[in-house]
Amino acid sequence: MTTKAYENVKTLCRGIEHIFPSAVCSGIVGDTRHKQRKQGTYHLSRQDNPAGTYSVIRPDDKAGNGPDDAAAAFDISMNRTDMALATSRLMRVWANGSDPRRKYLNAFNGWTGTGDAQRFDMVTHRSGWASPDHKWHLHAEIRRLYVLNAAMVKAVLSALSGQNVPAYLASIGVTARPVARISVPGYPGRVLRRTDSTKSDPAVQVWQQRMLARGWKTIGKADGRFGPRLESCVRRFQKSCKVPDDGVIGPKTWPLPWTRPLG
């Protein structure tokens, strides 16, 4: 068994080095340390990972999706300024549930310039803590299905270069549909916030339905219940809109799903 760095991933790394002055590719194929990880790693091929580990169980990573011998991750070392910029650009993609570039990445680890390094999961739309070494190197995981896909390279470089969604779509020959004028449902007159009640709130359901229409599938069902899952979604959406991420739907947050452009 062996793990190969395919040309697509090498091309991607060279492109990132071109975007960020301090960027240097510091790894694609896993080293001895990676091979000792019992939980698995995208730096190793599917055939070199222990069966059932996290990098081979998601739908796009299972056998039959992409080559069995390919490394599907890369590390890019950067200075503090470039690291914070690269992380913030990928975070915008992560925060936008309808960004089409999300589908090529499984997750990434980065650092915003303050606090701890963080991990952002594109599949579950969750974030968490990452080890301190990710303050100086960006780690990103490609869904194994797309390792040989040239569109993956273009999408990831687009995200890291700071392109918004309409510009990216235009670059791949897709004409963005004109935004239809839609009316914003009237604000319910009260702040919507997390509750343990199992009773469905019609106002919450309206907001959920609009978010689902925007592509925020991780919100779950539009059941009118304001639980922890919806609160987390509200916070992520508020961050993407650059408004205070307090996790409640007040008069400023209520209209955003209808008024805020994608991208």
Protein backbone atom coordinates (compact mmCIF):
# COMPACT_ATOMS: atom_id res chain seq x y z
CA MET A 1 0.00 0.00 0.00
CA THR A 2 1.10 3.55 -0.67
CA THR A 3 -0.13 7.14 -0.70
CA LYS A 4 0.40 9.45 -3.68
CA ALA A 5 0.19 13.21 -4.07
CA TYR A 6 -1.73 13.65 -7.31
CA GLU A 7 -0.93 16.54 -9.65
CA ASN A 8 -4.25 18.27 -8.96
CA VAL A 9 -3.38 18.71 -5.29
CA LYS A 10 0.15 19.86 -6.17
CA THR A 11 -1.33 22.41 -8.58
CA LEU A 12 -3.65 23.62 -5.84
CA CYS A 13 -0.75 24.13 -3.45
CA ARG A 14 1.25 26.04 -6.06
CA GLY A 15 -1.76 28.26 -6.63
CA ILE A 16 -2.04 29.04 -2.92
CA GLU A 17 1.67 29.90 -2.82
CA HIS A 18 0.98 32.38 -5.62
CA ILE A 19 -1.92 34.01 -3.72
CA PHE A 20 -0.13 34.49 -0.39
CA PRO A 21 3.43 35.87 -0.37
CA SER A 22 4.57 33.86 2.66
CA ALA A 23 2.83 30.60 1.74
CA VAL A 24 4.91 27.42 1.42
CA CYS A 25 3.43 23.97 0.94
CA SER A 26 4.60 21.99 3.96
CA GLY A 27 2.93 18.66 3.31
CA ILE A 28 0.50 16.60 1.24
CA VAL A 29 1.40 12.96 1.87
CA GLY A 30 1.38 12.01 5.54
CA ASP A 31 4.61 11.27 7.37
CA THR A 32 5.38 8.68 10.07
CA ARG A 33 3.46 10.70 12.64
CA HIS A 34 0.35 10.64 10.46
CA LYS A 35 0.66 6.90 9.92
CA GLN A 36 0.54 6.36 13.66
CA ARG A 37 -2.77 8.17 14.06
CA LYS A 38 -5.37 5.57 14.97
CA GLN A 39 -8.21 7.96 14.13
CA GLY A 40 -7.05 8.25 10.51
CA THR A 41 -6.10 11.24 8.37
CA TYR A 42 -6.82 12.76 4.95
CA HIS A 43 -3.04 13.03 4.46
CA LEU A 44 -3.05 9.27 3.83
CA SER A 45 -4.84 7.38 1.10
CA ARG A 46 -8.03 5.44 1.72
CA GLN A 47 -6.09 2.18 1.50
CA ASP A 48 -3.49 3.38 4.02
CA ASN A 49 -6.09 4.43 6.60
CA PRO A 50 -7.40 1.99 9.21
CA ALA A 51 -10.87 0.77 8.23
CA GLY A 52 -13.72 2.88 9.54
CA THR A 53 -11.67 5.95 10.50
CA TYR A 54 -13.12 9.43 10.03
CA SER A 55 -11.47 10.22 6.69
CA VAL A 56 -13.03 7.27 4.85
CA ILE A 57 -16.59 7.07 6.19
CA ARG A 58 -18.37 10.13 4.83
CA PRO A 59 -20.33 9.60 1.58
CA ASP A 60 -17.84 11.43 -0.66
CA ASP A 61 -14.89 9.63 0.97
CA LYS A 62 -16.03 6.01 0.80
CA ALA A 63 -14.57 3.42 -1.58
CA GLY A 64 -15.49 4.12 -5.19
CA ASN A 65 -15.22 7.88 -4.79
CA GLY A 66 -11.85 9.01 -6.09
CA PRO A 67 -8.60 7.01 -6.23
CA ASP A 68 -7.81 4.63 -3.38
CA ASP A 69 -4.12 5.65 -3.27
CA ALA A 70 -4.50 9.47 -3.11
CA ALA A 71 -3.66 11.85 -0.30
CA ALA A 72 -6.61 14.20 0.16
CA ALA A 73 -5.22 16.97 2.37
CA PHE A 74 -2.60 19.68 2.24
CA ASP A 75 -0.73 21.87 4.72
CA ILE A 76 0.40 25.41 3.86
CA SER A 77 2.75 27.26 6.20
CA MET A 78 2.22 31.04 6.37
CA ASN A 79 3.07 34.08 8.42
CA ARG A 80 0.50 35.49 10.86
CA THR A 81 -0.96 38.02 8.44
CA ASP A 82 -1.49 35.58 5.59
CA MET A 83 -2.77 32.90 7.96
CA ALA A 84 -5.48 35.19 9.32
CA LEU A 85 -6.46 36.31 5.82
CA ALA A 86 -6.61 32.77 4.39
CA THR A 87 -8.64 31.56 7.36
CA SER A 88 -11.11 34.44 7.14
CA ARG A 89 -11.67 33.81 3.43
CA LEU A 90 -12.39 30.13 3.96
CA MET A 91 -14.61 30.99 6.91
CA ARG A 92 -16.83 33.06 4.60
CA VAL A 93 -17.35 29.98 2.43
CA TRP A 94 -17.99 27.84 5.50
CA ALA A 95 -20.52 30.32 6.89
CA ASN A 96 -22.53 30.54 3.64
CA GLY A 97 -24.59 27.38 3.45
CA SER A 98 -25.38 28.00 -0.22
CA ASP A 99 -21.82 28.62 -1.44
CA PRO A 100 -21.22 25.98 -4.16
CA ARG A 101 -17.49 25.79 -3.33
CA ARG A 102 -18.27 24.16 0.01
CA LYS A 103 -18.87 20.77 -1.61
CA TYR A 104 -15.20 20.24 -2.49
CA LEU A 105 -13.81 20.50 1.05
CA ASN A 106 -14.43 18.30 4.05
CA ALA A 107 -12.96 20.68 6.65
CA PHE A 108 -10.08 23.04 7.34
CA ASN A 109 -8.03 24.12 10.36
CA GLY A 110 -6.84 27.70 10.62
CA TRP A 111 -6.35 30.74 12.80
CA THR A 112 -8.01 34.16 12.69
CA GLY A 113 -5.11 35.97 14.36
CA THR A 114 -6.53 35.91 17.89
CA GLY A 115 -7.44 33.19 20.35
CA ASP A 116 -7.05 29.49 19.61
CA ALA A 117 -6.66 27.80 16.26
CA GLN A 118 -10.01 26.45 15.05
CA ARG A 119 -11.43 23.65 12.94
CA PHE A 120 -14.32 24.34 10.54
CA ASP A 121 -16.29 21.36 9.24
CA MET A 122 -17.92 22.00 5.85
CA VAL A 123 -20.15 18.92 6.11
CA THR A 124 -21.67 19.41 9.56
CA HIS A 125 -21.30 23.22 9.48
CA ARG A 126 -19.74 23.12 12.94
CA SER A 127 -16.58 24.66 14.32
CA GLY A 128 -14.33 23.69 17.21
CA TRP A 129 -10.84 23.75 18.66
CA ALA A 130 -7.73 22.82 16.63
CA SER A 131 -4.20 22.11 17.87
CA PRO A 132 -1.84 25.11 18.31
CA ASP A 133 0.31 24.19 15.30
CA HIS A 134 -2.55 25.38 13.10
CA LYS A 135 -1.71 28.95 14.09
CA TRP A 136 1.15 28.81 11.59
CA HIS A 137 -0.07 26.34 8.98
CA LEU A 138 -3.38 26.03 7.19
CA HIS A 139 -4.65 22.46 6.99
CA ALA A 140 -7.43 21.61 4.52
CA GLU A 141 -9.09 18.32 3.61
CA ILE A 142 -10.43 17.60 0.13
CA ARG A 143 -13.39 15.27 -0.21
CA ARG A 144 -11.85 12.20 -1.81
CA LEU A 145 -14.44 12.19 -4.59
CA TYR A 146 -12.91 15.40 -5.98
CA VAL A 147 -9.16 14.74 -5.74
CA LEU A 148 -8.88 14.33 -9.53
CA ASN A 149 -11.44 17.02 -10.33
CA ALA A 150 -9.97 20.18 -11.88
CA ALA A 151 -13.09 22.09 -10.79
CA MET A 152 -12.02 21.44 -7.18
CA VAL A 153 -8.74 23.28 -7.76
CA LYS A 154 -10.50 26.27 -9.29
CA ALA A 155 -13.10 26.39 -6.51
CA VAL A 156 -10.62 26.26 -3.61
CA LEU A 157 -8.31 28.84 -5.22
CA SER A 158 -11.32 31.05 -5.84
CA ALA A 159 -12.25 30.88 -2.17
CA LEU A 160 -8.71 31.60 -0.99
CA SER A 161 -8.31 34.50 -3.41
CA GLY A 162 -11.35 36.16 -1.83
CA GLN A 163 -13.76 35.87 -4.77
CA ASN A 164 -17.43 36.19 -3.87
CA VAL A 165 -20.00 33.70 -5.13
CA PRO A 166 -21.24 35.68 -8.18
CA ALA A 167 -17.65 36.26 -9.37
CA TYR A 168 -16.81 32.60 -8.92
CA LEU A 169 -19.91 31.50 -10.84
CA ALA A 170 -19.04 33.91 -13.63
CA SER A 171 -15.49 32.50 -13.76
CA ILE A 172 -16.83 29.01 -14.45
CA GLY A 173 -19.36 30.19 -17.01
CA VAL A 174 -22.44 30.08 -14.82
CA THR A 175 -24.72 33.09 -15.00
CA ALA A 176 -26.09 33.93 -11.61
CA ARG A 177 -29.85 34.26 -11.66
CA PRO A 178 -31.06 37.79 -11.06
CA VAL A 179 -32.29 38.25 -7.55
CA ALA A 180 -36.04 38.46 -7.58
CA ARG A 181 -37.62 41.18 -5.53
CA ILE A 182 -39.29 39.48 -2.62
CA SER A 183 -41.21 40.92 0.24
CA VAL A 184 -40.00 40.43 3.77
CA PRO A 185 -42.62 38.99 6.10
CA GLY A 186 -43.49 41.39 8.86
CA TYR A 187 -41.40 41.18 12.00
CA PRO A 188 -43.38 39.27 14.65
CA GLY A 189 -42.91 42.08 17.17
CA ARG A 190 -40.90 40.02 19.61
CA VAL A 191 -37.39 38.60 19.81
CA LEU A 192 -37.20 34.93 18.88
CA ARG A 193 -34.75 33.01 21.03
CA ARG A 194 -33.84 29.50 22.13
CA THR A 195 -36.46 27.75 24.19
CA ASP A 196 -36.95 24.25 25.55
CA SER A 197 -40.60 24.29 24.56
CA THR A 198 -41.77 21.60 22.14
CA LYS A 199 -44.52 23.89 20.88
CA SER A 200 -44.11 25.10 17.30
CA ASP A 201 -43.79 28.87 16.82
CA PRO A 202 -45.19 30.04 13.42
CA ALA A 203 -42.73 32.96 13.27
CA VAL A 204 -39.76 30.66 13.87
CA GLN A 205 -41.06 28.33 11.17
CA VAL A 206 -41.24 31.17 8.61
CA TRP A 207 -37.61 32.10 9.34
CA GLN A 208 -36.50 28.46 9.13
CA GLN A 209 -38.24 27.98 5.79
CA ARG A 210 -36.47 30.98 4.29
CA MET A 211 -33.08 29.79 5.55
CA LEU A 212 -33.68 26.36 4.03
CA ALA A 213 -34.51 28.05 0.73
CA ARG A 214 -31.12 29.78 0.90
CA GLY A 215 -29.38 26.40 1.21
CA TRP A 216 -28.83 26.17 4.97
CA LYS A 217 -29.71 22.48 5.12
CA THR A 218 -28.00 21.99 8.47
CA ILE A 219 -30.87 23.88 10.05
CA GLY A 220 -32.89 20.66 9.89
CA LYS A 221 -36.66 20.72 9.47
CA ALA A 222 -38.76 23.86 9.50
CA ASP A 223 -40.64 22.70 12.57
CA GLY A 224 -41.03 26.04 14.33
CA ARG A 225 -38.93 24.97 17.29
CA PHE A 226 -36.05 27.15 18.46
CA GLY A 227 -33.57 24.66 19.86
CA PRO A 228 -29.76 24.52 20.05
CA ARG A 229 -29.43 23.55 16.38
CA LEU A 230 -31.28 26.65 15.21
CA GLU A 231 -29.43 28.86 17.68
CA SER A 232 -26.11 27.65 16.27
CA CYS A 233 -27.33 28.34 12.73
CA VAL A 234 -28.46 31.85 13.69
CA ARG A 235 -25.02 32.61 15.13
CA ARG A 236 -23.22 31.38 12.00
CA PHE A 237 -25.54 33.31 9.74
CA GLN A 238 -25.12 36.47 11.80
CA LYS A 239 -21.33 36.11 11.56
CA SER A 240 -21.54 35.76 7.79
CA CYS A 241 -23.68 38.93 7.67
CA LYS A 242 -21.25 40.78 9.98
CA VAL A 243 -23.87 41.55 12.62
CA PRO A 244 -23.58 40.72 16.34
CA ASP A 245 -23.79 36.94 16.69
CA ASP A 246 -26.03 36.81 19.75
CA GLY A 247 -28.00 33.79 18.53
CA VAL A 248 -31.40 35.49 18.71
CA ILE A 249 -33.68 36.67 15.92
CA GLY A 250 -34.44 40.31 16.65
CA PRO A 251 -35.54 43.16 14.36
CA LYS A 252 -32.08 43.39 12.69
CA THR A 253 -31.61 39.66 12.10
CA TRP A 254 -35.20 38.86 11.10
CA PRO A 255 -35.10 40.34 7.53
CA LEU A 256 -31.59 39.24 6.59
CA PRO A 257 -32.52 35.89 4.95
CA TRP A 258 -34.68 37.85 2.51
CA THR A 259 -32.51 40.94 2.03
CA ARG A 260 -28.91 39.77 2.25
CA PRO A 261 -27.44 38.71 -1.15
CA LEU A 262 -25.72 35.36 -1.47
CA GLY A 263 -21.95 35.43 -1.52
